[in-house]
Amino acid sequence: MKYNREDVIANIKKKIMEESTLLQGTIQYVDDAFFEAVKAIMACKGKLVITGVGKSGHIGKKLAATFSCIGTPSVFVHSCESLHGDIGMIEDKDVVIMISNSGKTDEVVKMLPSLNILGCKKIAMTRDNDSPLAKGCDIALCVKVEREIDHLNLAPTSSALAVLAVGDALAVTVSELKEFTKEQFAVRHPLGALGQQLLKEYEKAVKS
């Protein structure tokens, strides 16, 4: 295929705009279920567990890191590994966010029986609230985009970004409700500039 600089740059700009527009479309699906999800995370006496496979798994890892760094202890448990023992990381007092765009991902859905026995709260993030995953969870969050931005409409692009954005919004909302402070943020980032400044101030206070 022949290509030139102008066409490539124009196409990249076009795709960014398309993805931005598709992301904004997810706002229409934010309903009372999102409020219930925030309530569940706020009330959690254990840790937040996020699970998924494939691109959803990659997004889940990032979300677990985000929740953890702004005040909600979180871990990522790979759905496949969970079916071979890692589900032992999950306790009844935990809240589990289960990510599957289709809501039919076999490895994710197959976690449900064990999680039901454990008795932990389950939150689905999927585009289809009539899916097995959504129906099997206590709370179902609809995270839906009209299409992917790749020319085949197959690669998890817009859909993955939507889960990331919605997850970030949940994490930040919970953090604000917990009144998470910059000092607490700094403690979790000891090698960052803010963390180093806080540690110096603490050492200075101790010496005085």
C-alpha atoms as a PDB file:
ATOM      1  CA  MET A   1       0.000   0.000   0.000  1.00  0.00           C
ATOM      2  CA  LYS A   2       1.325   3.423  -0.904  1.00  0.00           C
ATOM      3  CA  TYR A   3       1.157   6.117   1.748  1.00  0.00           C
ATOM      4  CA  ASN A   4       2.467   9.585   2.410  1.00  0.00           C
ATOM      5  CA  ARG A   5       3.115  11.782   5.424  1.00  0.00           C
ATOM      6  CA  GLU A   6      -0.003  13.921   5.082  1.00  0.00           C
ATOM      7  CA  ASP A   7      -2.401  10.995   4.813  1.00  0.00           C
ATOM      8  CA  VAL A   8      -0.873   9.149   7.771  1.00  0.00           C
ATOM      9  CA  ILE A   9      -1.003  12.184  10.047  1.00  0.00           C
ATOM     10  CA  ALA A  10      -4.558  12.976   8.956  1.00  0.00           C
ATOM     11  CA  ASN A  11      -5.673   9.402   9.635  1.00  0.00           C
ATOM     12  CA  ILE A  12      -4.125   9.346  13.109  1.00  0.00           C
ATOM     13  CA  LYS A  13      -5.908  12.593  13.976  1.00  0.00           C
ATOM     14  CA  LYS A  14      -9.149  11.160  12.599  1.00  0.00           C
ATOM     15  CA  LYS A  15      -8.860   7.999  14.693  1.00  0.00           C
ATOM     16  CA  ILE A  16      -8.162   9.973  17.858  1.00  0.00           C
ATOM     17  CA  MET A  17     -11.248  12.090  17.223  1.00  0.00           C
ATOM     18  CA  GLU A  18     -13.354   9.001  16.500  1.00  0.00           C
ATOM     19  CA  GLU A  19     -12.240   7.315  19.706  1.00  0.00           C
ATOM     20  CA  SER A  20     -12.903  10.473  21.696  1.00  0.00           C
ATOM     21  CA  THR A  21     -16.441  10.681  20.302  1.00  0.00           C
ATOM     22  CA  LEU A  22     -17.106   6.999  20.970  1.00  0.00           C
ATOM     23  CA  LEU A  23     -15.841   7.377  24.526  1.00  0.00           C
ATOM     24  CA  GLN A  24     -18.239  10.239  25.194  1.00  0.00           C
ATOM     25  CA  GLY A  25     -21.056   7.934  24.135  1.00  0.00           C
ATOM     26  CA  THR A  26     -20.471   5.760  27.206  1.00  0.00           C
ATOM     27  CA  ILE A  27     -21.888   8.507  29.432  1.00  0.00           C
ATOM     28  CA  GLN A  28     -25.452   7.601  28.442  1.00  0.00           C
ATOM     29  CA  TYR A  29     -25.109   4.218  30.162  1.00  0.00           C
ATOM     30  CA  VAL A  30     -24.127   5.602  33.566  1.00  0.00           C
ATOM     31  CA  ASP A  31     -27.075   4.799  35.830  1.00  0.00           C
ATOM     32  CA  ASP A  32     -27.920   3.760  39.395  1.00  0.00           C
ATOM     33  CA  ALA A  33     -25.774   0.639  39.031  1.00  0.00           C
ATOM     34  CA  PHE A  34     -22.715   2.872  39.089  1.00  0.00           C
ATOM     35  CA  PHE A  35     -23.895   4.390  42.360  1.00  0.00           C
ATOM     36  CA  GLU A  36     -24.339   0.884  43.764  1.00  0.00           C
ATOM     37  CA  ALA A  37     -20.824  -0.022  42.624  1.00  0.00           C
ATOM     38  CA  VAL A  38     -19.356   2.986  44.418  1.00  0.00           C
ATOM     39  CA  LYS A  39     -21.313   2.077  47.560  1.00  0.00           C
ATOM     40  CA  ALA A  40     -20.003  -1.496  47.405  1.00  0.00           C
ATOM     41  CA  ILE A  41     -16.391  -0.375  47.014  1.00  0.00           C
ATOM     42  CA  MET A  42     -16.735   2.198  49.787  1.00  0.00           C
ATOM     43  CA  ALA A  43     -18.187  -0.449  52.120  1.00  0.00           C
ATOM     44  CA  CYS A  44     -15.572  -3.071  51.249  1.00  0.00           C
ATOM     45  CA  LYS A  45     -13.870  -4.448  54.376  1.00  0.00           C
ATOM     46  CA  GLY A  46     -11.267  -6.316  52.381  1.00  0.00           C
ATOM     47  CA  LYS A  47      -9.549  -5.481  49.118  1.00  0.00           C
ATOM     48  CA  LEU A  48     -10.761  -4.714  45.634  1.00  0.00           C
ATOM     49  CA  VAL A  49      -9.997  -7.521  43.189  1.00  0.00           C
ATOM     50  CA  ILE A  50     -10.066  -6.937  39.430  1.00  0.00           C
ATOM     51  CA  THR A  51     -10.081  -9.807  36.964  1.00  0.00           C
ATOM     52  CA  GLY A  52     -10.141 -10.337  33.207  1.00  0.00           C
ATOM     53  CA  VAL A  53      -8.221 -11.904  30.322  1.00  0.00           C
ATOM     54  CA  GLY A  54      -6.682 -10.585  27.113  1.00  0.00           C
ATOM     55  CA  LYS A  55      -6.947  -6.836  26.605  1.00  0.00           C
ATOM     56  CA  SER A  56      -9.495  -6.665  29.431  1.00  0.00           C
ATOM     57  CA  GLY A  57      -6.854  -8.195  31.656  1.00  0.00           C
ATOM     58  CA  HIS A  58      -4.316  -5.536  30.690  1.00  0.00           C
ATOM     59  CA  ILE A  59      -6.858  -2.830  31.477  1.00  0.00           C
ATOM     60  CA  GLY A  60      -7.673  -4.581  34.753  1.00  0.00           C
ATOM     61  CA  LYS A  61      -4.022  -4.483  35.818  1.00  0.00           C
ATOM     62  CA  LYS A  62      -3.892  -0.762  35.204  1.00  0.00           C
ATOM     63  CA  LEU A  63      -7.118  -0.151  37.106  1.00  0.00           C
ATOM     64  CA  ALA A  64      -5.895  -2.170  40.098  1.00  0.00           C
ATOM     65  CA  ALA A  65      -2.784   0.011  40.155  1.00  0.00           C
ATOM     66  CA  THR A  66      -4.862   3.188  39.917  1.00  0.00           C
ATOM     67  CA  PHE A  67      -7.244   2.222  42.717  1.00  0.00           C
ATOM     68  CA  SER A  68      -4.293   1.253  44.927  1.00  0.00           C
ATOM     69  CA  CYS A  69      -2.353   4.460  44.438  1.00  0.00           C
ATOM     70  CA  ILE A  70      -5.313   6.675  45.371  1.00  0.00           C
ATOM     71  CA  GLY A  71      -6.567   4.974  48.476  1.00  0.00           C
ATOM     72  CA  THR A  72      -8.313   1.685  47.639  1.00  0.00           C
ATOM     73  CA  PRO A  73      -6.082  -1.390  48.128  1.00  0.00           C
ATOM     74  CA  SER A  74      -6.503  -3.467  44.986  1.00  0.00           C
ATOM     75  CA  VAL A  75      -5.019  -6.490  43.241  1.00  0.00           C
ATOM     76  CA  PHE A  76      -5.338  -7.994  39.780  1.00  0.00           C
ATOM     77  CA  VAL A  77      -6.114 -11.706  39.550  1.00  0.00           C
ATOM     78  CA  HIS A  78      -5.884 -13.226  36.075  1.00  0.00           C
ATOM     79  CA  SER A  79      -9.082 -15.123  35.327  1.00  0.00           C
ATOM     80  CA  CYS A  80      -7.279 -18.131  33.825  1.00  0.00           C
ATOM     81  CA  GLU A  81      -4.911 -18.476  36.768  1.00  0.00           C
ATOM     82  CA  SER A  82      -7.810 -18.055  39.180  1.00  0.00           C
ATOM     83  CA  LEU A  83      -9.328 -21.273  37.859  1.00  0.00           C
ATOM     84  CA  HIS A  84      -6.139 -23.111  38.805  1.00  0.00           C
ATOM     85  CA  GLY A  85      -5.703 -21.931  42.386  1.00  0.00           C
ATOM     86  CA  ASP A  86      -5.309 -18.161  42.326  1.00  0.00           C
ATOM     87  CA  ILE A  87      -8.938 -17.692  43.300  1.00  0.00           C
ATOM     88  CA  GLY A  88      -7.529 -18.493  46.735  1.00  0.00           C
ATOM     89  CA  MET A  89      -6.350 -14.872  46.823  1.00  0.00           C
ATOM     90  CA  ILE A  90      -9.982 -13.788  47.080  1.00  0.00           C
ATOM     91  CA  GLU A  91     -11.892 -13.664  50.384  1.00  0.00           C
ATOM     92  CA  ASP A  92     -15.533 -13.202  51.321  1.00  0.00           C
ATOM     93  CA  LYS A  93     -14.915  -9.608  52.437  1.00  0.00           C
ATOM     94  CA  ASP A  94     -13.504  -8.595  49.052  1.00  0.00           C
ATOM     95  CA  VAL A  95     -15.256  -6.886  46.148  1.00  0.00           C
ATOM     96  CA  VAL A  96     -14.494  -8.321  42.702  1.00  0.00           C
ATOM     97  CA  ILE A  97     -14.744  -6.342  39.467  1.00  0.00           C
ATOM     98  CA  MET A  98     -15.069  -8.753  36.532  1.00  0.00           C
ATOM     99  CA  ILE A  99     -14.260  -7.344  33.086  1.00  0.00           C
ATOM    100  CA  SER A 100     -15.503  -8.880  29.825  1.00  0.00           C
ATOM    101  CA  ASN A 101     -16.612  -6.835  26.839  1.00  0.00           C
ATOM    102  CA  SER A 102     -18.974  -9.538  25.600  1.00  0.00           C
ATOM    103  CA  GLY A 103     -19.939 -10.725  29.063  1.00  0.00           C
ATOM    104  CA  LYS A 104     -19.412 -14.264  27.792  1.00  0.00           C
ATOM    105  CA  THR A 105     -15.666 -14.762  28.246  1.00  0.00           C
ATOM    106  CA  ASP A 106     -15.482 -18.361  29.417  1.00  0.00           C
ATOM    107  CA  GLU A 107     -12.602 -17.978  31.875  1.00  0.00           C
ATOM    108  CA  VAL A 108     -14.288 -15.033  33.571  1.00  0.00           C
ATOM    109  CA  VAL A 109     -17.773 -16.557  33.722  1.00  0.00           C
ATOM    110  CA  LYS A 110     -16.387 -19.807  35.146  1.00  0.00           C
ATOM    111  CA  MET A 111     -15.158 -17.909  38.202  1.00  0.00           C
ATOM    112  CA  LEU A 112     -18.733 -17.194  39.288  1.00  0.00           C
ATOM    113  CA  PRO A 113     -19.540 -20.488  41.078  1.00  0.00           C
ATOM    114  CA  SER A 114     -16.465 -20.240  43.312  1.00  0.00           C
ATOM    115  CA  LEU A 115     -17.058 -16.555  44.011  1.00  0.00           C
ATOM    116  CA  ASN A 116     -20.670 -17.333  44.910  1.00  0.00           C
ATOM    117  CA  ILE A 117     -19.478 -19.918  47.426  1.00  0.00           C
ATOM    118  CA  LEU A 118     -17.005 -17.420  48.874  1.00  0.00           C
ATOM    119  CA  GLY A 119     -19.805 -14.869  49.162  1.00  0.00           C
ATOM    120  CA  CYS A 120     -17.906 -11.822  47.946  1.00  0.00           C
ATOM    121  CA  LYS A 121     -19.609  -8.941  46.132  1.00  0.00           C
ATOM    122  CA  LYS A 122     -19.271  -9.130  42.347  1.00  0.00           C
ATOM    123  CA  ILE A 123     -19.376  -6.219  39.877  1.00  0.00           C
ATOM    124  CA  ALA A 124     -19.506  -6.874  36.122  1.00  0.00           C
ATOM    125  CA  MET A 125     -18.148  -4.461  33.529  1.00  0.00           C
ATOM    126  CA  THR A 126     -19.542  -5.474  30.130  1.00  0.00           C
ATOM    127  CA  ARG A 127     -21.321  -4.066  27.113  1.00  0.00           C
ATOM    128  CA  ASP A 128     -24.220  -6.512  27.509  1.00  0.00           C
ATOM    129  CA  ASN A 129     -26.281  -6.481  30.697  1.00  0.00           C
ATOM    130  CA  ASP A 130     -28.178  -9.531  29.452  1.00  0.00           C
ATOM    131  CA  SER A 131     -24.970 -11.564  29.282  1.00  0.00           C
ATOM    132  CA  PRO A 132     -24.128 -14.505  31.588  1.00  0.00           C
ATOM    133  CA  LEU A 133     -21.542 -12.424  33.434  1.00  0.00           C
ATOM    134  CA  ALA A 134     -23.848  -9.480  34.043  1.00  0.00           C
ATOM    135  CA  LYS A 135     -26.670 -11.720  35.222  1.00  0.00           C
ATOM    136  CA  GLY A 136     -24.313 -13.651  37.477  1.00  0.00           C
ATOM    137  CA  CYS A 137     -23.002 -10.594  39.294  1.00  0.00           C
ATOM    138  CA  ASP A 138     -24.572  -8.507  42.050  1.00  0.00           C
ATOM    139  CA  ILE A 139     -24.042  -5.294  40.086  1.00  0.00           C
ATOM    140  CA  ALA A 140     -23.747  -4.901  36.306  1.00  0.00           C
ATOM    141  CA  LEU A 141     -22.121  -1.823  34.782  1.00  0.00           C
ATOM    142  CA  CYS A 142     -22.861  -1.284  31.110  1.00  0.00           C
ATOM    143  CA  VAL A 143     -19.705  -0.033  29.393  1.00  0.00           C
ATOM    144  CA  LYS A 144     -20.547   0.137  25.713  1.00  0.00           C
ATOM    145  CA  VAL A 145     -19.194   1.764  22.580  1.00  0.00           C
ATOM    146  CA  GLU A 146     -20.835   1.651  19.171  1.00  0.00           C
ATOM    147  CA  ARG A 147     -17.758   0.296  17.380  1.00  0.00           C
ATOM    148  CA  GLU A 148     -14.003  -0.146  17.465  1.00  0.00           C
ATOM    149  CA  ILE A 149     -11.842   2.322  15.580  1.00  0.00           C
ATOM    150  CA  ASP A 150      -9.841  -0.200  13.593  1.00  0.00           C
ATOM    151  CA  HIS A 151     -10.850  -0.707   9.973  1.00  0.00           C
ATOM    152  CA  LEU A 152     -12.051  -4.247  10.708  1.00  0.00           C
ATOM    153  CA  ASN A 153     -14.108  -3.206  13.735  1.00  0.00           C
ATOM    154  CA  LEU A 154     -12.522  -6.110  15.622  1.00  0.00           C
ATOM    155  CA  ALA A 155      -9.499  -5.047  17.687  1.00  0.00           C
ATOM    156  CA  PRO A 156     -10.296  -4.001  21.293  1.00  0.00           C
ATOM    157  CA  THR A 157      -9.562  -0.302  20.890  1.00  0.00           C
ATOM    158  CA  SER A 158     -12.518   1.919  21.762  1.00  0.00           C
ATOM    159  CA  SER A 159     -14.031  -0.768  23.992  1.00  0.00           C
ATOM    160  CA  ALA A 160     -10.815  -1.151  25.985  1.00  0.00           C
ATOM    161  CA  LEU A 161     -10.449   2.610  26.340  1.00  0.00           C
ATOM    162  CA  ALA A 162     -14.035   2.852  27.579  1.00  0.00           C
ATOM    163  CA  VAL A 163     -13.415   0.325  30.369  1.00  0.00           C
ATOM    164  CA  LEU A 164     -10.252   2.194  31.316  1.00  0.00           C
ATOM    165  CA  ALA A 165     -12.052   5.543  31.421  1.00  0.00           C
ATOM    166  CA  VAL A 166     -15.025   4.222  33.388  1.00  0.00           C
ATOM    167  CA  GLY A 167     -12.712   2.412  35.779  1.00  0.00           C
ATOM    168  CA  ASP A 168     -10.660   5.559  36.309  1.00  0.00           C
ATOM    169  CA  ALA A 169     -13.856   7.513  36.975  1.00  0.00           C
ATOM    170  CA  LEU A 170     -14.907   4.968  39.603  1.00  0.00           C
ATOM    171  CA  ALA A 171     -11.478   5.016  41.232  1.00  0.00           C
ATOM    172  CA  VAL A 172     -11.303   8.801  41.415  1.00  0.00           C
ATOM    173  CA  THR A 173     -14.883   9.112  42.677  1.00  0.00           C
ATOM    174  CA  VAL A 174     -14.182   6.646  45.494  1.00  0.00           C
ATOM    175  CA  SER A 175     -10.919   8.424  46.292  1.00  0.00           C
ATOM    176  CA  GLU A 176     -12.690  11.776  46.572  1.00  0.00           C
ATOM    177  CA  LEU A 177     -15.400  10.294  48.812  1.00  0.00           C
ATOM    178  CA  LYS A 178     -12.688   8.842  51.062  1.00  0.00           C
ATOM    179  CA  GLU A 179     -11.144  12.328  51.211  1.00  0.00           C
ATOM    180  CA  PHE A 180      -7.818  10.936  50.070  1.00  0.00           C
ATOM    181  CA  THR A 181      -5.073  13.537  50.551  1.00  0.00           C
ATOM    182  CA  LYS A 182      -1.910  14.457  48.696  1.00  0.00           C
ATOM    183  CA  GLU A 183       0.043  13.387  51.770  1.00  0.00           C
ATOM    184  CA  GLN A 184      -1.465   9.908  51.520  1.00  0.00           C
ATOM    185  CA  PHE A 185      -0.677   9.919  47.809  1.00  0.00           C
ATOM    186  CA  ALA A 186       2.926  10.832  48.564  1.00  0.00           C
ATOM    187  CA  VAL A 187       3.362   7.935  51.014  1.00  0.00           C
ATOM    188  CA  ARG A 188       2.426   5.583  48.172  1.00  0.00           C
ATOM    189  CA  HIS A 189       4.989   7.203  45.868  1.00  0.00           C
ATOM    190  CA  PRO A 190       8.189   7.423  47.984  1.00  0.00           C
ATOM    191  CA  LEU A 191      10.441   7.843  44.959  1.00  0.00           C
ATOM    192  CA  GLY A 192       8.293  10.560  43.403  1.00  0.00           C
ATOM    193  CA  ALA A 193       9.021  14.242  43.995  1.00  0.00           C
ATOM    194  CA  LEU A 194       6.001  14.661  46.259  1.00  0.00           C
ATOM    195  CA  GLY A 195       6.842  11.535  48.222  1.00  0.00           C
ATOM    196  CA  GLN A 196      10.439  12.602  48.763  1.00  0.00           C
ATOM    197  CA  GLN A 197       9.333  16.042  49.906  1.00  0.00           C
ATOM    198  CA  LEU A 198       6.895  14.524  52.411  1.00  0.00           C
ATOM    199  CA  LEU A 199       9.535  12.155  53.783  1.00  0.00           C
ATOM    200  CA  LYS A 200      11.979  15.029  54.260  1.00  0.00           C
ATOM    201  CA  GLU A 201       9.336  17.027  56.111  1.00  0.00           C
ATOM    202  CA  TYR A 202       8.577  14.022  58.306  1.00  0.00           C
ATOM    203  CA  GLU A 203      12.255  13.442  59.123  1.00  0.00           C
ATOM    204  CA  LYS A 204      12.673  17.115  59.909  1.00  0.00           C
ATOM    205  CA  ALA A 205       9.668  17.057  62.246  1.00  0.00           C
ATOM    206  CA  VAL A 206      11.010  13.979  64.053  1.00  0.00           C
ATOM    207  CA  LYS A 207      14.426  15.534  64.613  1.00  0.00           C
ATOM    208  CA  SER A 208      12.942  18.738  65.949  1.00  0.00           C
END
